[in-house]
C-alpha atoms as a PDB file:
ATOM      1  CA  MET A   1       0.000   0.000   0.000  1.00  0.00           C
ATOM      2  CA  LYS A   2       2.837   2.389   0.840  1.00  0.00           C
ATOM      3  CA  LYS A   3       4.443   1.756  -2.546  1.00  0.00           C
ATOM      4  CA  VAL A   4       1.192   2.566  -4.323  1.00  0.00           C
ATOM      5  CA  LEU A   5       0.814   5.824  -2.375  1.00  0.00           C
ATOM      6  CA  PHE A   6       4.406   6.767  -3.180  1.00  0.00           C
ATOM      7  CA  ASP A   7       3.907   6.001  -6.870  1.00  0.00           C
ATOM      8  CA  VAL A   8       0.777   8.169  -7.036  1.00  0.00           C
ATOM      9  CA  ALA A   9       2.405  11.025  -5.111  1.00  0.00           C
ATOM     10  CA  ALA A  10       5.539  10.809  -7.250  1.00  0.00           C
ATOM     11  CA  LEU A  11       3.433  10.900 -10.410  1.00  0.00           C
ATOM     12  CA  ILE A  12       1.562  14.044  -9.302  1.00  0.00           C
ATOM     13  CA  ALA A  13       4.773  15.792  -8.218  1.00  0.00           C
ATOM     14  CA  ARG A  14       6.563  14.790 -11.432  1.00  0.00           C
ATOM     15  CA  VAL A  15       3.832  16.077 -13.689  1.00  0.00           C
ATOM     16  CA  ALA A  16       3.448  19.372 -11.824  1.00  0.00           C
ATOM     17  CA  THR A  17       7.205  19.966 -11.745  1.00  0.00           C
ATOM     18  CA  GLY A  18       7.609  18.953 -15.365  1.00  0.00           C
ATOM     19  CA  VAL A  19       4.861  21.330 -16.524  1.00  0.00           C
ATOM     20  CA  ILE A  20       6.539  24.263 -14.741  1.00  0.00           C
ATOM     21  CA  PHE A  21       9.918  23.433 -16.286  1.00  0.00           C
ATOM     22  CA  VAL A  22       8.415  23.033 -19.754  1.00  0.00           C
ATOM     23  CA  ALA A  23       6.645  26.403 -19.430  1.00  0.00           C
ATOM     24  CA  HIS A  24       9.893  28.202 -18.532  1.00  0.00           C
ATOM     25  CA  GLY A  25      11.873  26.339 -21.163  1.00  0.00           C
ATOM     26  CA  TRP A  26       9.290  27.105 -23.841  1.00  0.00           C
ATOM     27  CA  GLN A  27       9.417  30.764 -22.856  1.00  0.00           C
ATOM     28  CA  LYS A  28      13.170  30.708 -23.490  1.00  0.00           C
ATOM     29  CA  TRP A  29      12.635  28.969 -26.846  1.00  0.00           C
ATOM     30  CA  GLN A  30      10.259  31.744 -27.914  1.00  0.00           C
ATOM     31  CA  SER A  31      12.783  34.389 -26.938  1.00  0.00           C
ATOM     32  CA  GLY A  32      15.490  32.517 -28.834  1.00  0.00           C
ATOM     33  CA  ILE A  33      18.893  31.469 -27.585  1.00  0.00           C
ATOM     34  CA  GLY A  34      20.299  34.896 -28.454  1.00  0.00           C
ATOM     35  CA  GLY A  35      17.615  36.819 -26.562  1.00  0.00           C
ATOM     36  CA  THR A  36      17.913  34.503 -23.563  1.00  0.00           C
ATOM     37  CA  ALA A  37      21.691  34.858 -23.594  1.00  0.00           C
ATOM     38  CA  GLN A  38      21.355  38.655 -23.647  1.00  0.00           C
ATOM     39  CA  GLY A  39      19.079  38.494 -20.596  1.00  0.00           C
ATOM     40  CA  PHE A  40      21.557  36.202 -18.797  1.00  0.00           C
ATOM     41  CA  ARG A  41      24.368  38.612 -19.621  1.00  0.00           C
ATOM     42  CA  GLU A  42      22.461  41.472 -18.063  1.00  0.00           C
ATOM     43  CA  MET A  43      21.855  39.402 -14.922  1.00  0.00           C
ATOM     44  CA  GLY A  44      25.591  38.714 -14.613  1.00  0.00           C
ATOM     45  CA  ILE A  45      25.499  34.994 -15.405  1.00  0.00           C
ATOM     46  CA  PRO A  46      28.913  33.795 -16.664  1.00  0.00           C
ATOM     47  CA  LEU A  47      29.120  32.259 -20.149  1.00  0.00           C
ATOM     48  CA  PRO A  48      25.647  33.553 -21.025  1.00  0.00           C
ATOM     49  CA  GLU A  49      25.390  31.849 -24.441  1.00  0.00           C
ATOM     50  CA  LEU A  50      26.313  28.432 -23.025  1.00  0.00           C
ATOM     51  CA  ALA A  51      24.129  28.942 -19.958  1.00  0.00           C
ATOM     52  CA  ALA A  52      21.175  30.038 -22.104  1.00  0.00           C
ATOM     53  CA  GLY A  53      21.433  26.993 -24.367  1.00  0.00           C
ATOM     54  CA  TYR A  54      21.788  24.667 -21.374  1.00  0.00           C
ATOM     55  CA  ALA A  55      18.821  26.145 -19.499  1.00  0.00           C
ATOM     56  CA  THR A  56      16.579  26.187 -22.571  1.00  0.00           C
ATOM     57  CA  VAL A  57      17.211  22.575 -23.576  1.00  0.00           C
ATOM     58  CA  VAL A  58      17.291  21.104 -20.061  1.00  0.00           C
ATOM     59  CA  GLU A  59      14.127  22.845 -18.891  1.00  0.00           C
ATOM     60  CA  THR A  60      12.120  21.969 -21.997  1.00  0.00           C
ATOM     61  CA  ILE A  61      13.303  18.421 -22.710  1.00  0.00           C
ATOM     62  CA  GLY A  62      13.872  17.622 -19.044  1.00  0.00           C
ATOM     63  CA  GLY A  63      10.372  18.789 -18.149  1.00  0.00           C
ATOM     64  CA  ILE A  64       8.867  16.504 -20.793  1.00  0.00           C
ATOM     65  CA  PHE A  65      10.936  13.580 -19.500  1.00  0.00           C
ATOM     66  CA  LEU A  66       9.689  14.236 -15.972  1.00  0.00           C
ATOM     67  CA  ILE A  67       6.076  14.217 -17.134  1.00  0.00           C
ATOM     68  CA  VAL A  68       6.376  10.871 -18.904  1.00  0.00           C
ATOM     69  CA  GLY A  69       8.700   9.445 -16.241  1.00  0.00           C
ATOM     70  CA  LEU A  70      11.683   8.721 -18.490  1.00  0.00           C
ATOM     71  CA  LEU A  71      15.278   8.854 -17.186  1.00  0.00           C
ATOM     72  CA  VAL A  72      13.993  10.627 -14.108  1.00  0.00           C
ATOM     73  CA  ARG A  73      17.201  10.491 -12.057  1.00  0.00           C
ATOM     74  CA  PRO A  74      19.645  11.769 -14.738  1.00  0.00           C
ATOM     75  CA  VAL A  75      17.198  14.466 -15.813  1.00  0.00           C
ATOM     76  CA  SER A  76      16.646  15.499 -12.185  1.00  0.00           C
ATOM     77  CA  LEU A  77      20.403  15.936 -11.735  1.00  0.00           C
ATOM     78  CA  LEU A  78      20.589  18.251 -14.764  1.00  0.00           C
ATOM     79  CA  LEU A  79      17.592  20.260 -13.572  1.00  0.00           C
ATOM     80  CA  LEU A  80      19.060  20.506 -10.044  1.00  0.00           C
ATOM     81  CA  LEU A  81      22.294  21.951 -11.441  1.00  0.00           C
ATOM     82  CA  ASN A  82      20.243  24.408 -13.502  1.00  0.00           C
ATOM     83  CA  MET A  83      18.345  25.599 -10.429  1.00  0.00           C
ATOM     84  CA  LEU A  84      21.500  25.850  -8.306  1.00  0.00           C
ATOM     85  CA  GLY A  85      23.027  28.089 -10.959  1.00  0.00           C
ATOM     86  CA  ALA A  86      19.909  30.259 -11.012  1.00  0.00           C
ATOM     87  CA  ILE A  87      19.921  30.597  -7.207  1.00  0.00           C
ATOM     88  CA  VAL A  88      23.643  31.359  -6.934  1.00  0.00           C
ATOM     89  CA  PHE A  89      23.974  33.803  -9.831  1.00  0.00           C
ATOM     90  CA  VAL A  90      20.523  35.434  -9.896  1.00  0.00           C
ATOM     91  CA  HIS A  91      18.266  34.995  -6.869  1.00  0.00           C
ATOM     92  CA  ALA A  92      20.525  34.575  -3.813  1.00  0.00           C
ATOM     93  CA  GLY A  93      20.773  38.250  -2.923  1.00  0.00           C
ATOM     94  CA  LYS A  94      17.121  39.125  -3.553  1.00  0.00           C
ATOM     95  CA  GLY A  95      15.396  37.409  -0.658  1.00  0.00           C
ATOM     96  CA  ILE A  96      12.869  34.589  -0.755  1.00  0.00           C
ATOM     97  CA  PHE A  97       9.775  35.840  -2.555  1.00  0.00           C
ATOM     98  CA  VAL A  98       9.665  35.409  -6.279  1.00  0.00           C
ATOM     99  CA  ALA A  99       7.860  38.749  -6.732  1.00  0.00           C
ATOM    100  CA  ALA A 100      11.006  40.486  -5.574  1.00  0.00           C
ATOM    101  CA  GLY A 101      13.258  38.242  -7.647  1.00  0.00           C
ATOM    102  CA  GLY A 102      14.002  35.886  -4.737  1.00  0.00           C
ATOM    103  CA  TRP A 103      14.839  32.177  -4.787  1.00  0.00           C
ATOM    104  CA  GLU A 104      11.336  30.938  -3.857  1.00  0.00           C
ATOM    105  CA  LEU A 105      10.518  29.253  -7.178  1.00  0.00           C
ATOM    106  CA  ALA A 106      14.048  28.156  -8.046  1.00  0.00           C
ATOM    107  CA  GLY A 107      14.517  26.687  -4.562  1.00  0.00           C
ATOM    108  CA  THR A 108      11.258  24.742  -4.723  1.00  0.00           C
ATOM    109  CA  LEU A 109      12.023  23.322  -8.152  1.00  0.00           C
ATOM    110  CA  GLY A 110      15.557  22.482  -7.053  1.00  0.00           C
ATOM    111  CA  ALA A 111      14.298  20.681  -3.937  1.00  0.00           C
ATOM    112  CA  LEU A 112      11.849  18.640  -6.016  1.00  0.00           C
ATOM    113  CA  SER A 113      14.639  17.768  -8.444  1.00  0.00           C
ATOM    114  CA  LEU A 114      16.791  16.633  -5.531  1.00  0.00           C
ATOM    115  CA  LEU A 115      13.917  14.473  -4.253  1.00  0.00           C
ATOM    116  CA  PHE A 116      13.473  12.790  -7.643  1.00  0.00           C
ATOM    117  CA  LEU A 117      17.224  12.268  -7.858  1.00  0.00           C
ATOM    118  CA  ALA A 118      17.268  10.489  -4.495  1.00  0.00           C
ATOM    119  CA  LEU A 119      14.025   8.474  -4.671  1.00  0.00           C
ATOM    120  CA  GLY A 120      13.243   8.215  -8.362  1.00  0.00           C
ATOM    121  CA  GLY A 121       9.975   8.968 -10.061  1.00  0.00           C
ATOM    122  CA  GLY A 122       7.951   5.948  -8.964  1.00  0.00           C
ATOM    123  CA  ARG A 123       6.654   3.043 -11.013  1.00  0.00           C
ATOM    124  CA  ILE A 124       3.967   4.982 -12.883  1.00  0.00           C
ATOM    125  CA  GLY A 125       6.017   6.103 -15.846  1.00  0.00           C
ATOM    126  CA  LEU A 126       8.254   4.853 -18.630  1.00  0.00           C
ATOM    127  CA  ASP A 127      11.077   4.073 -16.205  1.00  0.00           C
ATOM    128  CA  GLY A 128       8.733   1.795 -14.264  1.00  0.00           C
ATOM    129  CA  VAL A 129       7.521   0.062 -17.418  1.00  0.00           C
ATOM    130  CA  PHE A 130      11.035  -0.524 -18.777  1.00  0.00           C
ATOM    131  CA  GLY A 131      12.274  -1.617 -15.358  1.00  0.00           C
ATOM    132  CA  SER A 132       9.456  -4.149 -15.038  1.00  0.00           C
ATOM    133  CA  LEU A 133      10.199  -5.566 -18.491  1.00  0.00           C
ATOM    134  CA  PHE A 134      13.915  -5.802 -17.703  1.00  0.00           C
ATOM    135  CA  ARG A 135      13.312  -7.564 -14.382  1.00  0.00           C
ATOM    136  CA  ARG A 136      10.896  -9.990 -16.035  1.00  0.00           C
ATOM    137  CA  ARG A 137      13.384 -10.804 -18.787  1.00  0.00           C
ATOM    138  CA  SER A 138      16.217 -11.147 -16.278  1.00  0.00           C
ATOM    139  CA  GLY A 139      14.109 -13.460 -14.101  1.00  0.00           C
ATOM    140  CA  ARG A 140      13.217 -15.601 -17.106  1.00  0.00           C
ATOM    141  CA  HIS A 141      16.875 -15.829 -18.127  1.00  0.00           C
ATOM    142  CA  THR A 142      17.890 -16.822 -14.592  1.00  0.00           C
ATOM    143  CA  ALA A 143      15.168 -19.479 -14.469  1.00  0.00           C
ATOM    144  CA  GLU A 144      16.339 -20.924 -17.798  1.00  0.00           C
ATOM    145  CA  GLU A 145      19.926 -21.086 -16.560  1.00  0.00           C
ATOM    146  CA  GLU A 146      18.853 -22.847 -13.376  1.00  0.00           C
ATOM    147  CA  HIS A 147      16.781 -25.323 -15.402  1.00  0.00           C
ATOM    148  CA  GLU A 148      19.742 -26.084 -17.686  1.00  0.00           C
ATOM    149  CA  THR A 149      22.042 -26.526 -14.691  1.00  0.00           C
ATOM    150  CA  THR A 150      19.572 -28.905 -13.043  1.00  0.00           C
ATOM    151  CA  ALA A 151      19.177 -30.873 -16.261  1.00  0.00           C
ATOM    152  CA  ARG A 152      22.941 -31.228 -16.634  1.00  0.00           C
ATOM    153  CA  GLY A 153      23.218 -32.309 -13.008  1.00  0.00           C
ATOM    154  CA  THR A 154      20.644 -35.077 -13.407  1.00  0.00           C
ATOM    155  CA  THR A 155      22.059 -36.457 -16.684  1.00  0.00           C
ATOM    156  CA  GLY A 156      25.727 -35.991 -15.991  1.00  0.00           C
ATOM    157  CA  GLY A 157      28.211 -37.450 -13.556  1.00  0.00           C
ATOM    158  CA  ALA A 158      30.334 -35.652 -11.048  1.00  0.00           C
ATOM    159  CA  ALA A 159      32.016 -33.638 -13.802  1.00  0.00           C
ATOM    160  CA  GLY A 160      28.816 -33.064 -15.768  1.00  0.00           C
ATOM    161  CA  GLY A 161      29.536 -35.805 -18.340  1.00  0.00           C
ATOM    162  CA  PRO A 162      27.723 -39.060 -19.084  1.00  0.00           C
ATOM    163  CA  LEU A 163      27.539 -41.654 -16.368  1.00  0.00           C
ATOM    164  CA  THR A 164      30.131 -44.408 -16.465  1.00  0.00           C
ATOM    165  CA  PRO A 165      29.457 -47.932 -15.182  1.00  0.00           C
ATOM    166  CA  ALA A 166      31.306 -47.014 -11.986  1.00  0.00           C
ATOM    167  CA  GLN A 167      28.941 -44.002 -11.550  1.00  0.00           C
ATOM    168  CA  SER A 168      25.713 -45.928 -12.105  1.00  0.00           C
ATOM    169  CA  THR A 169      22.876 -44.750  -9.950  1.00  0.00           C
ATOM    170  CA  THR A 170      21.748 -48.370  -9.250  1.00  0.00           C
ATOM    171  CA  PRO A 171      22.992 -49.348  -5.796  1.00  0.00           C
ATOM    172  CA  GLU A 172      25.273 -52.365  -5.832  1.00  0.00           C
ATOM    173  CA  GLN A 173      24.317 -55.389  -3.738  1.00  0.00           C
ATOM    174  CA  PRO A 174      26.962 -56.542  -1.277  1.00  0.00           C
ATOM    175  CA  ASN A 175      28.899 -59.579  -2.471  1.00  0.00           C
ATOM    176  CA  VAL A 176      27.901 -62.134   0.143  1.00  0.00           C
ATOM    177  CA  PRO A 177      29.366 -65.629  -0.374  1.00  0.00           C
ATOM    178  CA  ARG A 178      26.723 -68.249  -0.879  1.00  0.00           C
ATOM    179  CA  GLN A 179      26.462 -71.158   1.511  1.00  0.00           C
ATOM    180  CA  PRO A 180      26.776 -74.564  -0.107  1.00  0.00           C
ATOM    181  CA  THR A 181      23.475 -76.402  -0.442  1.00  0.00           C
ATOM    182  CA  GLY A 182      24.764 -79.905  -1.177  1.00  0.00           C
ATOM    183  CA  PRO A 183      25.695 -82.622   1.351  1.00  0.00           C
ATOM    184  CA  ARG A 184      28.656 -81.747   3.470  1.00  0.00           C
ATOM    185  CA  THR A 185      31.450 -84.288   3.317  1.00  0.00           C
ATOM    186  CA  GLY A 186      34.110 -84.540   5.916  1.00  0.00           C
ATOM    187  CA  ALA A 187      32.101 -82.381   8.267  1.00  0.00           C
ATOM    188  CA  SER A 188      32.311 -84.993  11.066  1.00  0.00           C
ATOM    189  CA  ASN A 189      35.209 -86.899  12.589  1.00  0.00           C
ATOM    190  CA  LEU A 190      33.130 -90.123  13.109  1.00  0.00           C
ATOM    191  CA  ASN A 191      34.706 -93.285  11.722  1.00  0.00           C
ATOM    192  CA  ASP A 192      33.024 -96.506  10.520  1.00  0.00           C
ATOM    193  CA  GLU A 193      33.025 -98.153  13.921  1.00  0.00           C
ATOM    194  CA  ASP A 194      31.276 -95.199  15.515  1.00  0.00           C
ATOM    195  CA  MET A 195      28.614 -95.305  12.801  1.00  0.00           C
ATOM    196  CA  ARG A 196      27.963 -99.013  13.517  1.00  0.00           C
ATOM    197  CA  ASP A 197      27.475 -98.245  17.191  1.00  0.00           C
ATOM    198  CA  ILE A 198      24.972 -95.497  16.340  1.00  0.00           C
ATOM    199  CA  ASP A 199      23.068 -97.860  14.004  1.00  0.00           C
ATOM    200  CA  ALA A 200      22.927-100.467  16.767  1.00  0.00           C
ATOM    201  CA  LEU A 201      21.517 -98.001  19.257  1.00  0.00           C
ATOM    202  CA  VAL A 202      18.843 -96.859  16.806  1.00  0.00           C
ATOM    203  CA  SER A 203      17.811-100.488  16.034  1.00  0.00           C
ATOM    204  CA  ASP A 204      17.892-101.537  19.726  1.00  0.00           C
ATOM    205  CA  ASP A 205      20.500-104.219  18.889  1.00  0.00           C
ATOM    206  CA  GLN A 206      23.529-104.346  21.036  1.00  0.00           C
ATOM    207  CA  PRO A 207      26.731-104.610  19.102  1.00  0.00           C
ATOM    208  CA  GLU A 208      28.736-107.750  19.373  1.00  0.00           C
ATOM    209  CA  HIS A 209      31.652-105.953  20.802  1.00  0.00           C
ATOM    210  CA  ARG A 210      32.109-102.300  21.728  1.00  0.00           C
ATOM    211  CA  LYS A 211      35.318-100.564  21.671  1.00  0.00           C
ATOM    212  CA  PRO A 212      35.826 -97.120  22.861  1.00  0.00           C
ATOM    213  CA  PRO A 213      35.825 -94.791  19.901  1.00  0.00           C
ATOM    214  CA  ASN A 214      39.143 -93.617  18.696  1.00  0.00           C
ATOM    215  CA  ARG A 215      39.286 -89.873  19.180  1.00  0.00           C
END
């Protein structure tokens, strides 16, 4: 909400300031660069021809740029320098009120230019439109780069290349030795005589002779 209020306030201030600058610049255009330079010379402004051309162009073109919200910060810097020159060389010693030739109007326009230089002209203007398009394009480009990086990471190995058999994503099963399933031979130390004694016990027949097993 605060951003919206700032954008609306910046738009109103920009348009009002730009209209005033355009009006003064157009007045200088109608007088011509030569006539404006002659007036600057009479007011004691140094380099009157250069100053007249600068003031005429900056006030007219800069005022239009403020109205449409284009290059607000650079234009505001040029307009601020223009107003500082007017205050220093023309209005400083004549008080505040513009009726007496004071710095009232030049100071107000300079302060507004300083405000636009510091905070910008808001989003309602050509700067806001171009900035939104640039951010959208930049965000799309970043998203595409991230997608390509992710795709390379999922199809490539540690160095981004194709997977080798050693880098296969299938987990290897541990190599567990198999237990033999056939009959175990030599697993017992029983000899033939011991086996006969066991058979006799199972069949309830006593053996003819029993010898202690050889261990």
